Amino acid sequence: MSYQTLEIEQHAHLATLWLNRPDVRNAFNETSIAEITHAFRHLDLDREIRVIVLAARGTAFCAGADLHWMKKMAGHTDQENLADAGALAEMLKVIYRCSKPVVARVQGDCYAGGLGLVAACDMAVATLETGFCLSETRLGLIPATISPYVIRAIGERAARRYFLTAERFTAAEAKRMGLVHEVVDEASLDSAVTTLTDALLSCSPHALDEAKRLIRDVSCATIDDELIADTVRRIADIRSSEQGREGVQAFLNKRKPLWLVGSHGQ
């Protein structure tokens, strides 16, 4: 499929999805939301793809909602507003639940829904100059659809400040809160992203999928007998899986596992 608002590059097992509306700082509209959702669903099903990078053309990662889209929404009915919000929520869910690791490559402004995009990814690298802002309350709105992902990323206490004040905060503060994992100068952005993607590409695709599922299921669960039994079942299942057996045998025999044979960069 050809996209109006995105570009997708594939190099071996790595796909990079570029937000490509630099003239409006990659702000969302209904088209870009639908295309991001479609692209992530397609990449999730592509067995050749093991890792996805979410990046943006131009000087800004994403400035939130497109102004023209916001003007149009001002005249929407309740049902139309529900449909628009539902589409945005679905996009974030598809990214968050993607079976492949997703790395955000962040530069420039990262506001509102753009910050939600970063929070829905598994990890993020930002430049020193990146500025973040949950600007919704200044407009009389709230960051509702992005809140499950942002609060998980930065914690309730930080959310109480930045959801309410709509202050702009730095990449260093974003790293301190856990929203981003690395902060680098602009010239080092691509190499920092590559360090992460190379590490991910060295891992078992099946184990990465199961590890992501494990994090989602365990992170907010009560530590009780049911959870412990679930973790026991998971490790037993993956030990007996094809890639689990192959990985252990490769380690014991001091050779590369089959998922690395012929892979890019290995």
Foldseek 3Di string as FASTA:
>chain_A
DDADQWDWDDDFQEIEIEGHPQVQLSEDAPRVLVVLLVVLVVNLPDPRHAEYEYAYPYAFGYAYHGPVRVVVVVPDDPVVVVVSLVSLLSSLVSLLLRLHAYEYQGHAEQEQSSLLNLLSGPAYEYEQHYKYWDQAVVVVGFSPSSVVSVCVQQNDVVCVPRRPPRDIDTPVVSCVRRSHVYYHHPVCRVVVVVVVVVVSLLDDSVVSSVVSVCCVVPVPDDPDPVVVVVVVVSVVVLCPDPQNVQVVVCVVVVHRGPSPVVGPPD
